[in-house]
Amino acid sequence: MVKNTKNTPNIAKIQNSGISVQDQSKLLNLEEKTPKIKEMIIEFINKYGDVKTILTLQELLSSSNVTRSKTIPRPQNPWVLFRKNISKGLKMSVGETSGIASYLWKNKSERESQFWNDLYRITKEVHSIEYPGYKYTPIRSHEQNKKSKEAQKTDFKIPLSKNQ
């Protein structure tokens, strides 16, 4: 899909850009982290020191501060972390960026896949410390429809005159 489009140069640009995890380790302030997170990050850096990311580990490990939700944000899964990293390297629309990220996601190596899964485990642990007791409770679409219909019934009541 993306391979034969005008976005091919952007794919090469992404694949050849970034800073190695090992070089980024100097930018992390591990003293601020809990012992468990600190240990996870050190193990991660030792295992994937040669892997490059466009965003810094600090940016990838932090929760997204831009959210539509008024509640606690969900922990970012491996795909979200990967796409967040890719989108930083591109100056394109969300749809075009997603197409490129999707293509790269489907064609990544086993080691790269493990990299994003291991990074997710760390971000999930960071999230659990930032938001203790967090539990994801989705609102099913039929529940939203019910609430919406109930709101419509109560919002649009027309008062009857005394004569009727």
C-alpha atoms as a PDB file:
ATOM      1  CA  MET A   1       0.000   0.000   0.000  1.00  0.00           C
ATOM      2  CA  VAL A   2       2.390   2.721   1.205  1.00  0.00           C
ATOM      3  CA  LYS A   3       5.431   1.201  -0.491  1.00  0.00           C
ATOM      4  CA  ASN A   4       4.427   2.321  -3.992  1.00  0.00           C
ATOM      5  CA  THR A   5       3.304   5.824  -3.099  1.00  0.00           C
ATOM      6  CA  LYS A   6       4.974   9.184  -2.820  1.00  0.00           C
ATOM      7  CA  ASN A   7       5.600   8.381   0.889  1.00  0.00           C
ATOM      8  CA  THR A   8       8.461   5.945   0.174  1.00  0.00           C
ATOM      9  CA  PRO A   9      11.134   8.632   0.842  1.00  0.00           C
ATOM     10  CA  ASN A  10       9.513   9.295   4.229  1.00  0.00           C
ATOM     11  CA  ILE A  11       9.797   5.616   5.151  1.00  0.00           C
ATOM     12  CA  ALA A  12      13.528   5.641   4.386  1.00  0.00           C
ATOM     13  CA  LYS A  13      13.878   8.908   6.327  1.00  0.00           C
ATOM     14  CA  ILE A  14      12.243   7.343   9.397  1.00  0.00           C
ATOM     15  CA  GLN A  15      14.227   4.124   9.207  1.00  0.00           C
ATOM     16  CA  ASN A  16      17.514   6.038   9.090  1.00  0.00           C
ATOM     17  CA  SER A  17      16.786   8.615  11.769  1.00  0.00           C
ATOM     18  CA  GLY A  18      16.815   8.762  15.541  1.00  0.00           C
ATOM     19  CA  ILE A  19      19.144   8.456  18.477  1.00  0.00           C
ATOM     20  CA  SER A  20      20.282   5.118  19.863  1.00  0.00           C
ATOM     21  CA  VAL A  21      18.773   4.034  23.168  1.00  0.00           C
ATOM     22  CA  GLN A  22      22.279   3.796  24.613  1.00  0.00           C
ATOM     23  CA  ASP A  23      22.987   7.462  23.821  1.00  0.00           C
ATOM     24  CA  GLN A  24      19.626   8.497  25.267  1.00  0.00           C
ATOM     25  CA  SER A  25      20.365   6.783  28.577  1.00  0.00           C
ATOM     26  CA  LYS A  26      22.528   9.754  29.541  1.00  0.00           C
ATOM     27  CA  LEU A  27      19.491  12.040  29.196  1.00  0.00           C
ATOM     28  CA  LEU A  28      17.336  10.013  31.599  1.00  0.00           C
ATOM     29  CA  ASN A  29      17.308  10.988  35.237  1.00  0.00           C
ATOM     30  CA  LEU A  30      17.083   7.491  36.703  1.00  0.00           C
ATOM     31  CA  GLU A  31      17.472   8.767  40.263  1.00  0.00           C
ATOM     32  CA  GLU A  32      13.904  10.088  40.100  1.00  0.00           C
ATOM     33  CA  LYS A  33      12.548   6.643  39.198  1.00  0.00           C
ATOM     34  CA  THR A  34      11.446   3.945  41.616  1.00  0.00           C
ATOM     35  CA  PRO A  35      13.900   1.053  42.038  1.00  0.00           C
ATOM     36  CA  LYS A  36      11.711  -1.298  39.986  1.00  0.00           C
ATOM     37  CA  ILE A  37      11.370   1.161  37.073  1.00  0.00           C
ATOM     38  CA  LYS A  38      15.060   2.035  37.267  1.00  0.00           C
ATOM     39  CA  GLU A  39      15.967  -1.665  37.029  1.00  0.00           C
ATOM     40  CA  MET A  40      13.559  -2.198  34.105  1.00  0.00           C
ATOM     41  CA  ILE A  41      15.023   0.775  32.208  1.00  0.00           C
ATOM     42  CA  ILE A  42      18.636  -0.301  32.779  1.00  0.00           C
ATOM     43  CA  GLU A  43      17.824  -3.827  31.579  1.00  0.00           C
ATOM     44  CA  PHE A  44      16.006  -2.350  28.564  1.00  0.00           C
ATOM     45  CA  ILE A  45      18.967  -0.099  27.671  1.00  0.00           C
ATOM     46  CA  ASN A  46      21.406  -3.013  27.980  1.00  0.00           C
ATOM     47  CA  LYS A  47      19.245  -5.194  25.733  1.00  0.00           C
ATOM     48  CA  TYR A  48      18.327  -2.590  23.082  1.00  0.00           C
ATOM     49  CA  GLY A  49      21.177  -0.066  23.258  1.00  0.00           C
ATOM     50  CA  ASP A  50      21.689  -0.097  19.483  1.00  0.00           C
ATOM     51  CA  VAL A  51      18.022   0.531  18.575  1.00  0.00           C
ATOM     52  CA  LYS A  52      17.221   4.086  17.449  1.00  0.00           C
ATOM     53  CA  THR A  53      14.086   6.067  18.274  1.00  0.00           C
ATOM     54  CA  ILE A  54      13.022   9.461  16.986  1.00  0.00           C
ATOM     55  CA  LEU A  55      11.537  10.509  20.323  1.00  0.00           C
ATOM     56  CA  THR A  56      13.656  10.255  23.441  1.00  0.00           C
ATOM     57  CA  LEU A  57      12.968   7.481  25.915  1.00  0.00           C
ATOM     58  CA  GLN A  58      11.791  10.161  28.350  1.00  0.00           C
ATOM     59  CA  GLU A  59       9.147  11.314  25.829  1.00  0.00           C
ATOM     60  CA  LEU A  60       8.100   7.741  25.051  1.00  0.00           C
ATOM     61  CA  LEU A  61       7.836   6.767  28.721  1.00  0.00           C
ATOM     62  CA  SER A  62       5.714   9.750  29.698  1.00  0.00           C
ATOM     63  CA  SER A  63       1.946   9.787  29.351  1.00  0.00           C
ATOM     64  CA  SER A  64       0.460  11.777  26.548  1.00  0.00           C
ATOM     65  CA  ASN A  65      -0.310  15.239  27.884  1.00  0.00           C
ATOM     66  CA  VAL A  66      -2.628  15.957  24.981  1.00  0.00           C
ATOM     67  CA  THR A  67      -5.831  14.021  25.443  1.00  0.00           C
ATOM     68  CA  ARG A  68      -9.497  14.512  24.783  1.00  0.00           C
ATOM     69  CA  SER A  69     -10.392  12.561  27.880  1.00  0.00           C
ATOM     70  CA  LYS A  70     -11.270  14.310  31.094  1.00  0.00           C
ATOM     71  CA  THR A  71     -10.332  11.222  33.072  1.00  0.00           C
ATOM     72  CA  ILE A  72      -7.089   9.321  33.603  1.00  0.00           C
ATOM     73  CA  PRO A  73      -5.474   8.450  30.246  1.00  0.00           C
ATOM     74  CA  ARG A  74      -5.054   4.798  29.342  1.00  0.00           C
ATOM     75  CA  PRO A  75      -1.524   3.365  29.318  1.00  0.00           C
ATOM     76  CA  GLN A  76      -0.033   3.531  25.828  1.00  0.00           C
ATOM     77  CA  ASN A  77       0.183   0.122  24.148  1.00  0.00           C
ATOM     78  CA  PRO A  78       3.054  -0.951  21.835  1.00  0.00           C
ATOM     79  CA  TRP A  79       1.290   0.291  18.672  1.00  0.00           C
ATOM     80  CA  VAL A  80       0.524   3.700  20.221  1.00  0.00           C
ATOM     81  CA  LEU A  81       4.150   4.087  21.339  1.00  0.00           C
ATOM     82  CA  PHE A  82       5.400   3.098  17.871  1.00  0.00           C
ATOM     83  CA  ARG A  83       3.022   5.457  16.083  1.00  0.00           C
ATOM     84  CA  LYS A  84       3.835   8.289  18.508  1.00  0.00           C
ATOM     85  CA  ASN A  85       7.515   7.820  17.655  1.00  0.00           C
ATOM     86  CA  ILE A  86       6.860   7.703  13.883  1.00  0.00           C
ATOM     87  CA  SER A  87       4.602  10.757  13.858  1.00  0.00           C
ATOM     88  CA  LYS A  88       7.348  12.868  15.435  1.00  0.00           C
ATOM     89  CA  GLY A  89       9.557  12.217  12.417  1.00  0.00           C
ATOM     90  CA  LEU A  90       6.939  13.173   9.842  1.00  0.00           C
ATOM     91  CA  LYS A  91       5.324  16.468   9.030  1.00  0.00           C
ATOM     92  CA  MET A  92       2.219  14.948   7.458  1.00  0.00           C
ATOM     93  CA  SER A  93      -1.475  14.530   8.105  1.00  0.00           C
ATOM     94  CA  VAL A  94      -2.633  12.039  10.719  1.00  0.00           C
ATOM     95  CA  GLY A  95      -4.004   9.721   8.022  1.00  0.00           C
ATOM     96  CA  GLU A  96      -0.781   9.679   6.017  1.00  0.00           C
ATOM     97  CA  THR A  97       1.297   9.176   9.151  1.00  0.00           C
ATOM     98  CA  SER A  98      -0.927   6.295  10.253  1.00  0.00           C
ATOM     99  CA  GLY A  99      -0.581   4.643   6.846  1.00  0.00           C
ATOM    100  CA  ILE A 100       3.205   4.781   7.004  1.00  0.00           C
ATOM    101  CA  ALA A 101       3.257   3.639  10.631  1.00  0.00           C
ATOM    102  CA  SER A 102       0.921   0.756   9.794  1.00  0.00           C
ATOM    103  CA  TYR A 103       3.122  -0.347   6.896  1.00  0.00           C
ATOM    104  CA  LEU A 104       6.264  -0.209   9.058  1.00  0.00           C
ATOM    105  CA  TRP A 105       4.483  -1.952  11.961  1.00  0.00           C
ATOM    106  CA  LYS A 106       3.504  -4.901   9.749  1.00  0.00           C
ATOM    107  CA  ASN A 107       7.033  -5.210   8.351  1.00  0.00           C
ATOM    108  CA  LYS A 108       9.130  -4.855  11.501  1.00  0.00           C
ATOM    109  CA  SER A 109      11.536  -7.540  12.678  1.00  0.00           C
ATOM    110  CA  GLU A 110      10.916  -9.823  15.661  1.00  0.00           C
ATOM    111  CA  ARG A 111      13.528  -7.936  17.692  1.00  0.00           C
ATOM    112  CA  GLU A 112      11.915  -4.586  16.904  1.00  0.00           C
ATOM    113  CA  SER A 113       8.544  -6.012  17.881  1.00  0.00           C
ATOM    114  CA  GLN A 114      10.001  -7.182  21.189  1.00  0.00           C
ATOM    115  CA  PHE A 115      11.543  -3.718  21.682  1.00  0.00           C
ATOM    116  CA  TRP A 116       8.109  -2.031  21.545  1.00  0.00           C
ATOM    117  CA  ASN A 117       6.523  -4.716  23.754  1.00  0.00           C
ATOM    118  CA  ASP A 118       9.250  -4.317  26.378  1.00  0.00           C
ATOM    119  CA  LEU A 119       8.928  -0.525  26.232  1.00  0.00           C
ATOM    120  CA  TYR A 120       5.174  -0.956  26.753  1.00  0.00           C
ATOM    121  CA  ARG A 121       5.805  -3.005  29.910  1.00  0.00           C
ATOM    122  CA  ILE A 122       7.872  -0.145  31.323  1.00  0.00           C
ATOM    123  CA  THR A 123       5.279   2.502  30.382  1.00  0.00           C
ATOM    124  CA  LYS A 124       2.553   0.368  31.932  1.00  0.00           C
ATOM    125  CA  GLU A 125       4.545   0.191  35.173  1.00  0.00           C
ATOM    126  CA  VAL A 126       5.136   3.964  35.117  1.00  0.00           C
ATOM    127  CA  HIS A 127       1.400   4.469  34.527  1.00  0.00           C
ATOM    128  CA  SER A 128       0.503   2.232  37.473  1.00  0.00           C
ATOM    129  CA  ILE A 129       2.719   4.356  39.741  1.00  0.00           C
ATOM    130  CA  GLU A 130       1.359   7.662  38.405  1.00  0.00           C
ATOM    131  CA  TYR A 131      -2.253   6.475  38.645  1.00  0.00           C
ATOM    132  CA  PRO A 132      -2.500   3.862  41.407  1.00  0.00           C
ATOM    133  CA  GLY A 133      -5.716   1.879  41.380  1.00  0.00           C
ATOM    134  CA  TYR A 134      -6.497   2.761  37.755  1.00  0.00           C
ATOM    135  CA  LYS A 135      -8.862   0.336  36.080  1.00  0.00           C
ATOM    136  CA  TYR A 136     -10.004   0.684  32.506  1.00  0.00           C
ATOM    137  CA  THR A 137     -13.797   0.733  32.333  1.00  0.00           C
ATOM    138  CA  PRO A 138     -14.987   1.195  28.764  1.00  0.00           C
ATOM    139  CA  ILE A 139     -18.350   2.715  27.988  1.00  0.00           C
ATOM    140  CA  ARG A 140     -20.040   0.422  25.517  1.00  0.00           C
ATOM    141  CA  SER A 141     -21.715   2.077  22.557  1.00  0.00           C
ATOM    142  CA  HIS A 142     -25.165   0.813  23.589  1.00  0.00           C
ATOM    143  CA  GLU A 143     -24.655   2.430  27.001  1.00  0.00           C
ATOM    144  CA  GLN A 144     -23.690   5.701  25.326  1.00  0.00           C
ATOM    145  CA  ASN A 145     -26.759   5.500  23.089  1.00  0.00           C
ATOM    146  CA  LYS A 146     -28.975   4.901  26.137  1.00  0.00           C
ATOM    147  CA  LYS A 147     -27.499   7.887  27.970  1.00  0.00           C
ATOM    148  CA  SER A 148     -27.825  10.034  24.866  1.00  0.00           C
ATOM    149  CA  LYS A 149     -31.500   9.107  24.390  1.00  0.00           C
ATOM    150  CA  GLU A 150     -32.250   9.749  28.068  1.00  0.00           C
ATOM    151  CA  ALA A 151     -30.560  13.153  27.825  1.00  0.00           C
ATOM    152  CA  GLN A 152     -32.576  14.011  24.722  1.00  0.00           C
ATOM    153  CA  LYS A 153     -35.850  13.138  26.481  1.00  0.00           C
ATOM    154  CA  THR A 154     -35.066  15.335  29.482  1.00  0.00           C
ATOM    155  CA  ASP A 155     -33.416  18.192  27.561  1.00  0.00           C
ATOM    156  CA  PHE A 156     -36.261  18.930  25.177  1.00  0.00           C
ATOM    157  CA  LYS A 157     -39.354  18.959  27.382  1.00  0.00           C
ATOM    158  CA  ILE A 158     -41.808  21.565  26.208  1.00  0.00           C
ATOM    159  CA  PRO A 159     -43.806  22.992  29.071  1.00  0.00           C
ATOM    160  CA  LEU A 160     -47.547  22.744  28.593  1.00  0.00           C
ATOM    161  CA  SER A 161     -49.697  25.785  29.188  1.00  0.00           C
ATOM    162  CA  LYS A 162     -52.202  25.792  32.060  1.00  0.00           C
ATOM    163  CA  ASN A 163     -55.125  25.706  29.621  1.00  0.00           C
ATOM    164  CA  GLN A 164     -54.152  22.342  28.138  1.00  0.00           C
END
